[in-house]
Every structure is written in C-alpha cells, then in structure tokens.
Amino acid sequence: MKISYAYRRTAFYPYQGGTGWELPPAEVRRPWLRLVRQLGFEGIEVGLRQGIEHDEHALRELGRELADEGVPCVVIRGGGGFASPRVIASNQRRVREAVQAAAWIGANLVNMTVGVPPSDPHGPGAGGVGERVSQGGSRTASEADFEITAKYLREAATVAADMGVEIAIEMHQHSIADNSWSCLHLLELIDRPNVGVNPDLGNLYWTYEEPEESTEACIVKLAPKAKYWHCKQLRRVHVPELHKAYFLKVPLPDGEIDYRFAIAAMVDAGYQGYLAIEGVREGDQLSADGRSVAYCRQILKELGQA
C-alpha cells in the first residue's frame, strides 16, 4: 500500500493562496512538491476543477512534472451524480472529462462523488455536516435514484474501460452513497469490474449528528470493493441542545477514527491501491500531514507491509 497526498491547503511562501484544493502555481510548485516527497508521499491527487488546464498537452506536461518530482498523479478528482435531471447532462460531461484527463495524465483512476444539488438550498441539511438531515442522502433516496445513477455510471465505466481507467465512487455526505449499505447497493447495480468505492470514513463520521454506523463495521464491509482510499481524521464536538455536531480536522493519530483498525482491515482485504491522506485545512499543513504519513508508515510496518 502506497501513500498519496489529497492536499487541502497549499500556501507556500511566497504564495499566499492555497486555501482551496488547487496545486500551487508554477513558480513555487517544484519546491513544494520536493518537500511533499521528502515527507514520504509517493503520489498526489489532482482535481480537474482546481486551476489546471484540461487540454491533452497541458495534462501530459503536468503529469511529467509531478512524476519528475517523485509524486506522480495517481488519481483525477471529478464527476458528479445523476439522481437529479437538472445535472445529468453536465455531470455526464464532467465524468467523461475526468476519465479522459486520467488517461492523459497517466493516473488511470478517477475518484468521484455521486452527489446532486440540494432540493431545498436554504433548508436543513442543505450543505453542512453533523445535522439530523443530509439532503441527497441515502435515507431519503428512492430505488429509482439508485437505478438512474447506476445506469449512467455503467455508461461511464464502459468508456473508462476502453481507456484503461478505473472509477472509485467516494462515500460522501449529500450523496446516495453515504454509508456501507448504499455504496454496496450502488456497486451491485453498476456491476462493472472497473468501478469500486473510496471508503472515506471521515465522510461517514460527519454526515449526521450521530453516525449511521461505526467506522469499524463500515471499513470491514467496504474494504474488498475499494479502488482508492481517502483518510481524514476528525474530532467531534457534539452540541445536543442544537441537534448539531461540529468537526475539527486533525492529523491521523489525533482524532476519533481508529485508523490502526481501518488500515489492518484494508490490508486483510488485499487492498493494494493508494492510501490518500486528506490533509488539514489550517496552519502548517505540511508538518501536520507529515505526521499522518509517519503514523501510517508505522502501522504498515507493524502489519508487515513496509
């Protein structure tokens, strides 16, 4: 199992941006990438919508740059759901773009969610986490929502297979794939060997005020179907009077999700893809995310995987 970087902040002197998911600009990117590699990351995740060019030449050049610095692009992030007629056409296009980009950049893997816009943008559970409601979630989904999503993902999987690309559906809040049952049900309906799951336990943990299932039960069920794996860590602050939980992102050793258990479950399932550390969003992210790398490497060593 190799470790990749799903960075969530890229401020790096003198670059003052980096508060989103974009790569640093060219003038500071190579020094930043070298430090990322020194911290122990072996690959990097690139978002299709975060300030990168989409044409073949630019993507191939970016792929070469990342590989030259020892952190090749291992996944393209892009796509969207199909359970709302308002976004079917646009998300079909986004998935096709992501698949093509993954082939051009050399990652051969797309990570996508299947979320759709909230039905009531100003109502409870429209865009946050830790509430009693999660608009677009599996609790309120119909079987038709699953079937239409599977239909379009089967089509995408066929196109992707022709290009040698695999697809990981990320377990995610505001999505019909938001727990182990719903992810497995969707995969069963899609029934394509190049489509699997990204069992992001952080997304399970923070979707609702009270998690729907334990992270341990979830990872055991989803590990055999994993194609990619986001790992983020959280501390939960529950305010029962408000029926609300708030979450703080912290390095992997410091939170409430048991990644020692989760990594062992993934190893036991024979997972050989990337463990992608989803970085912190504030402060010196490289130091914090470096601690997460060291923690994972220690556990993998104990499991005989180093």
Protein backbone atom coordinates (compact mmCIF):
# COMPACT_ATOMS: atom_id res chain seq x y z
CA MET A 1 0.00 0.00 0.00
CA LYS A 2 1.47 3.36 -1.05
CA ILE A 3 0.65 6.76 0.44
CA SER A 4 -0.61 9.65 -1.68
CA TYR A 5 -1.45 13.25 -0.89
CA ALA A 6 -5.00 14.55 -1.09
CA TYR A 7 -3.85 18.05 -0.10
CA ARG A 8 -6.42 20.53 1.18
CA ARG A 9 -4.16 23.57 1.63
CA THR A 10 -1.14 24.63 -0.43
CA ALA A 11 0.01 28.01 0.88
CA PHE A 12 3.80 28.03 0.49
CA TYR A 13 5.95 31.14 0.81
CA PRO A 14 5.68 33.50 -1.01
CA TYR A 15 2.43 32.04 -2.42
CA GLN A 16 -0.38 33.31 -0.18
CA GLY A 17 -3.25 31.42 -1.77
CA GLY A 18 -3.71 27.74 -1.32
CA THR A 19 -6.83 27.84 0.79
CA GLY A 20 -8.66 25.54 -1.62
CA TRP A 21 -7.68 22.38 -3.44
CA GLU A 22 -5.58 23.87 -6.23
CA LEU A 23 -1.96 22.98 -6.90
CA PRO A 24 0.48 25.78 -6.10
CA PRO A 25 1.40 27.97 -9.10
CA ALA A 26 4.36 27.06 -11.27
CA GLU A 27 6.78 29.47 -9.54
CA VAL A 28 6.61 27.59 -6.22
CA ARG A 29 5.28 24.20 -7.27
CA ARG A 30 8.53 22.30 -7.66
CA PRO A 31 9.94 23.24 -4.21
CA TRP A 32 6.56 22.38 -2.69
CA LEU A 33 6.47 19.03 -4.48
CA ARG A 34 10.00 18.21 -3.33
CA LEU A 35 9.02 18.79 0.28
CA VAL A 36 5.88 16.68 -0.21
CA ARG A 37 8.09 13.85 -1.47
CA GLN A 38 10.55 14.29 1.42
CA LEU A 39 7.66 13.86 3.85
CA GLY A 40 7.08 10.39 2.39
CA PHE A 41 4.22 10.88 -0.06
CA GLU A 42 4.50 8.67 -3.14
CA GLY A 43 1.79 10.21 -5.30
CA ILE A 44 -0.64 13.09 -5.47
CA GLU A 45 -4.32 13.70 -6.21
CA VAL A 46 -5.30 16.34 -8.75
CA GLY A 47 -8.71 17.98 -9.05
CA LEU A 48 -9.97 18.68 -12.54
CA ARG A 49 -11.65 21.93 -11.49
CA GLN A 50 -8.82 23.44 -9.45
CA GLY A 51 -6.94 25.74 -11.81
CA ILE A 52 -5.34 23.19 -14.16
CA GLU A 53 -5.55 23.20 -17.92
CA HIS A 54 -7.74 20.50 -19.43
CA ASP A 55 -6.13 20.01 -22.83
CA GLU A 56 -4.06 16.94 -23.60
CA HIS A 57 -0.70 18.69 -23.90
CA ALA A 58 -1.05 20.56 -20.60
CA LEU A 59 -2.17 17.47 -18.71
CA ARG A 60 0.65 15.33 -20.09
CA GLU A 61 3.17 18.05 -19.19
CA LEU A 62 1.76 18.30 -15.66
CA GLY A 63 1.92 14.52 -15.36
CA ARG A 64 5.59 14.56 -16.32
CA GLU A 65 6.35 17.38 -13.87
CA LEU A 66 4.70 15.54 -10.98
CA ALA A 67 6.43 12.26 -11.86
CA ASP A 68 9.81 14.00 -12.16
CA GLU A 69 9.44 15.20 -8.57
CA GLY A 70 8.61 11.71 -7.31
CA VAL A 71 4.90 12.32 -6.66
CA PRO A 72 3.07 11.23 -9.83
CA CYS A 73 -0.61 11.96 -10.21
CA VAL A 74 -2.38 8.80 -9.03
CA VAL A 75 -5.99 9.95 -9.38
CA ILE A 76 -8.06 12.64 -11.04
CA ARG A 77 -10.88 14.04 -8.92
CA GLY A 78 -14.02 14.89 -10.90
CA GLY A 79 -17.56 13.88 -11.77
CA GLY A 80 -20.94 14.07 -10.07
CA GLY A 81 -24.28 12.35 -9.50
CA PHE A 82 -27.26 11.64 -11.73
CA ALA A 83 -30.23 11.45 -9.38
CA SER A 84 -31.45 14.90 -10.41
CA PRO A 85 -32.45 15.66 -14.02
CA ARG A 86 -31.03 19.16 -13.61
CA VAL A 87 -27.44 17.89 -13.61
CA ILE A 88 -27.44 14.69 -15.67
CA ALA A 89 -26.07 16.25 -18.85
CA SER A 90 -23.45 18.40 -17.11
CA ASN A 91 -22.26 15.55 -14.91
CA GLN A 92 -22.06 13.16 -17.85
CA ARG A 93 -19.70 15.68 -19.41
CA ARG A 94 -17.72 16.09 -16.19
CA VAL A 95 -17.24 12.34 -15.79
CA ARG A 96 -16.11 11.99 -19.41
CA GLU A 97 -13.65 14.87 -18.92
CA ALA A 98 -12.28 13.28 -15.75
CA VAL A 99 -11.84 9.89 -17.43
CA GLN A 100 -10.04 11.46 -20.38
CA ALA A 101 -7.85 13.55 -18.06
CA ALA A 102 -6.92 10.48 -16.01
CA ALA A 103 -5.80 8.70 -19.18
CA TRP A 104 -3.80 11.68 -20.46
CA ILE A 105 -2.06 12.43 -17.15
CA GLY A 106 -1.24 8.75 -16.60
CA ALA A 107 -3.24 8.19 -13.42
CA ASN A 108 -5.78 5.79 -14.96
CA LEU A 109 -8.09 6.32 -11.98
CA VAL A 110 -10.98 8.73 -11.34
CA ASN A 111 -12.33 9.50 -7.87
CA MET A 112 -15.87 10.89 -7.96
CA THR A 113 -18.87 11.53 -5.78
CA VAL A 114 -22.47 10.96 -6.86
CA GLY A 115 -23.98 13.95 -5.07
CA VAL A 116 -26.55 16.28 -6.63
CA PRO A 117 -27.62 19.84 -5.69
CA PRO A 118 -29.88 20.13 -2.62
CA SER A 119 -33.60 20.13 -3.26
CA ASP A 120 -34.00 22.98 -0.74
CA PRO A 121 -30.80 25.06 -0.73
CA HIS A 122 -31.92 27.04 2.33
CA GLY A 123 -33.36 24.12 4.31
CA PRO A 124 -31.87 21.85 6.97
CA GLY A 125 -29.05 19.61 5.79
CA ALA A 126 -28.51 21.53 2.57
CA GLY A 127 -24.75 21.77 2.62
CA GLY A 128 -23.33 21.25 6.06
CA VAL A 129 -22.44 18.22 8.14
CA GLY A 130 -23.36 17.00 11.59
CA GLU A 131 -27.10 17.63 11.27
CA ARG A 132 -30.12 15.36 11.58
CA VAL A 133 -30.74 15.75 7.84
CA SER A 134 -28.41 15.31 4.87
CA GLN A 135 -30.15 16.39 1.68
CA GLY A 136 -29.43 14.00 -1.17
CA GLY A 137 -28.51 11.17 1.19
CA SER A 138 -29.49 7.52 1.03
CA ARG A 139 -32.00 7.87 3.89
CA THR A 140 -34.42 9.69 1.59
CA ALA A 141 -33.35 8.18 -1.75
CA SER A 142 -35.68 6.06 -3.84
CA GLU A 143 -34.69 2.91 -5.69
CA ALA A 144 -35.14 4.94 -8.86
CA ASP A 145 -32.36 7.28 -7.67
CA PHE A 146 -30.02 4.31 -7.40
CA GLU A 147 -31.08 2.85 -10.73
CA ILE A 148 -30.62 6.06 -12.73
CA THR A 149 -27.25 6.69 -11.09
CA ALA A 150 -26.14 3.14 -11.88
CA LYS A 151 -27.31 3.47 -15.48
CA TYR A 152 -25.12 6.46 -16.21
CA LEU A 153 -22.20 5.05 -14.28
CA ARG A 154 -22.35 1.85 -16.32
CA GLU A 155 -22.07 4.00 -19.43
CA ALA A 156 -19.12 5.89 -17.93
CA ALA A 157 -17.49 2.62 -16.89
CA THR A 158 -17.64 1.33 -20.46
CA VAL A 159 -15.92 4.45 -21.79
CA ALA A 160 -13.37 4.31 -18.97
CA ALA A 161 -12.59 0.64 -19.57
CA ASP A 162 -11.77 1.38 -23.20
CA MET A 163 -9.16 3.87 -21.96
CA GLY A 164 -7.81 1.61 -19.21
CA VAL A 165 -9.28 3.82 -16.47
CA GLU A 166 -10.93 2.71 -13.21
CA ILE A 167 -13.54 4.65 -11.21
CA ALA A 168 -13.78 4.98 -7.42
CA ILE A 169 -17.11 6.22 -6.04
CA GLU A 170 -16.39 8.18 -2.89
CA MET A 171 -18.61 7.52 0.11
CA HIS A 172 -19.76 11.08 0.74
CA GLN A 173 -22.31 13.20 2.56
CA HIS A 174 -25.22 14.62 0.50
CA SER A 175 -24.95 11.58 -1.74
CA ILE A 176 -26.89 8.35 -2.14
CA ALA A 177 -23.57 6.58 -1.47
CA ASP A 178 -23.08 7.73 2.11
CA ASN A 179 -22.72 4.50 4.14
CA SER A 180 -21.63 0.91 3.56
CA TRP A 181 -25.08 -0.38 2.61
CA SER A 182 -25.74 2.30 0.00
CA CYS A 183 -22.26 2.02 -1.52
CA LEU A 184 -22.56 -1.74 -1.89
CA HIS A 185 -26.07 -1.47 -3.30
CA LEU A 186 -24.94 1.02 -5.93
CA LEU A 187 -21.92 -1.10 -6.89
CA GLU A 188 -24.16 -4.15 -7.23
CA LEU A 189 -26.42 -2.26 -9.63
CA ILE A 190 -23.46 -0.93 -11.67
CA ASP A 191 -21.80 -4.35 -11.82
CA ARG A 192 -18.62 -3.34 -13.64
CA PRO A 193 -15.17 -4.61 -12.65
CA ASN A 194 -13.52 -1.23 -13.15
CA VAL A 195 -15.87 0.53 -10.68
CA GLY A 196 -15.28 0.35 -6.93
CA VAL A 197 -15.51 2.50 -3.84
CA ASN A 198 -13.47 5.05 -1.92
CA PRO A 199 -14.42 4.22 1.71
CA ASP A 200 -13.82 7.69 3.17
CA LEU A 201 -14.57 7.09 6.83
CA GLY A 202 -14.44 10.79 7.67
CA ASN A 203 -17.40 11.39 5.39
CA LEU A 204 -19.34 8.63 7.14
CA TYR A 205 -18.45 10.05 10.56
CA TRP A 206 -19.53 13.63 9.94
CA THR A 207 -22.59 13.23 7.70
CA TYR A 208 -25.12 13.22 10.56
CA GLU A 209 -25.34 14.42 14.14
CA GLU A 210 -24.99 10.76 15.15
CA PRO A 211 -23.08 8.47 12.73
CA GLU A 212 -25.24 5.87 11.00
CA GLU A 213 -22.77 3.05 11.66
CA SER A 214 -19.38 2.56 13.24
CA THR A 215 -16.31 3.24 11.15
CA GLU A 216 -15.03 -0.25 12.05
CA ALA A 217 -18.12 -2.02 10.68
CA CYS A 218 -18.09 0.16 7.58
CA ILE A 219 -14.46 -0.41 6.60
CA VAL A 220 -14.72 -4.18 7.01
CA LYS A 221 -17.68 -4.22 4.60
CA LEU A 222 -16.19 -1.87 2.01
CA ALA A 223 -12.51 -2.82 2.02
CA PRO A 224 -12.94 -5.67 -0.54
CA LYS A 225 -14.52 -3.21 -3.02
CA ALA A 226 -12.01 -0.36 -2.62
CA LYS A 227 -10.26 1.21 -5.61
CA TYR A 228 -8.91 4.27 -3.76
CA TRP A 229 -9.00 5.45 -0.13
CA HIS A 230 -9.27 8.90 1.40
CA CYS A 231 -8.13 9.07 5.02
CA LYS A 232 -9.00 12.16 7.04
CA GLN A 233 -9.23 12.49 10.79
CA LEU A 234 -11.78 14.34 12.91
CA ARG A 235 -12.59 15.42 16.41
CA ARG A 236 -16.30 15.65 17.08
CA VAL A 237 -17.86 18.38 19.22
CA HIS A 238 -21.49 17.48 19.91
CA VAL A 239 -24.00 20.16 20.96
CA PRO A 240 -27.13 18.10 21.67
CA GLU A 241 -29.22 21.17 22.54
CA LEU A 242 -28.78 22.33 18.93
CA HIS A 243 -29.06 18.83 17.46
CA LYS A 244 -25.72 19.54 15.83
CA ALA A 245 -22.19 18.16 15.79
CA TYR A 246 -19.14 20.16 14.71
CA PHE A 247 -15.92 18.61 13.47
CA LEU A 248 -12.27 19.64 13.60
CA LYS A 249 -9.78 18.15 11.14
CA VAL A 250 -6.59 16.92 12.79
CA PRO A 251 -3.63 14.66 11.85
CA LEU A 252 -4.49 10.96 11.63
CA PRO A 253 -3.05 9.95 15.06
CA ASP A 254 -5.03 12.61 16.92
CA GLY A 255 -8.71 12.02 16.23
CA GLU A 256 -11.57 9.64 16.87
CA ILE A 257 -11.44 7.35 13.82
CA ASP A 258 -9.35 4.25 14.54
CA TYR A 259 -7.04 4.10 11.54
CA ARG A 260 -4.98 1.31 13.07
CA PHE A 261 -8.11 -0.86 12.77
CA ALA A 262 -9.00 0.55 9.34
CA ILE A 263 -5.57 0.00 7.80
CA ALA A 264 -5.49 -3.55 9.14
CA ALA A 265 -8.90 -4.21 7.57
CA MET A 266 -7.74 -2.88 4.21
CA VAL A 267 -4.55 -4.95 4.32
CA ASP A 268 -6.52 -8.08 5.24
CA ALA A 269 -8.83 -7.47 2.27
CA GLY A 270 -5.81 -7.41 -0.05
CA TYR A 271 -6.08 -3.74 -0.93
CA GLN A 272 -3.07 -2.64 -2.97
CA GLY A 273 -4.13 0.84 -4.03
CA TYR A 274 -3.23 4.20 -2.54
CA LEU A 275 -3.91 5.36 0.98
CA ALA A 276 -4.60 9.04 0.32
CA ILE A 277 -4.06 11.31 3.31
CA GLU A 278 -6.65 14.09 3.12
CA GLY A 279 -4.74 16.99 4.56
CA VAL A 280 -5.63 19.56 7.18
CA ARG A 281 -7.02 22.93 6.11
CA GLU A 282 -5.38 25.35 8.54
CA GLY A 283 -1.90 26.22 9.73
CA ASP A 284 1.33 24.49 8.69
CA GLN A 285 -0.36 21.74 6.72
CA LEU A 286 2.89 20.10 5.61
CA SER A 287 4.08 19.47 9.16
CA ALA A 288 0.65 18.18 10.22
CA ASP A 289 0.26 15.98 7.16
CA GLY A 290 3.81 14.70 7.56
CA ARG A 291 2.81 13.39 10.99
CA SER A 292 -0.02 11.49 9.31
CA VAL A 293 2.42 9.90 6.85
CA ALA A 294 4.71 8.76 9.67
CA TYR A 295 1.76 7.30 11.59
CA CYS A 296 0.56 5.29 8.58
CA ARG A 297 4.04 4.03 7.78
CA GLN A 298 4.48 2.81 11.35
CA ILE A 299 1.20 0.87 11.24
CA LEU A 300 2.02 -0.61 7.82
CA LYS A 301 5.42 -1.68 9.18
CA GLU A 302 3.76 -3.40 12.14
CA LEU A 303 1.48 -5.21 9.66
CA GLY A 304 4.46 -6.37 7.61
CA GLN A 305 3.65 -4.05 4.72
CA ALA A 306 6.62 -1.66 4.86
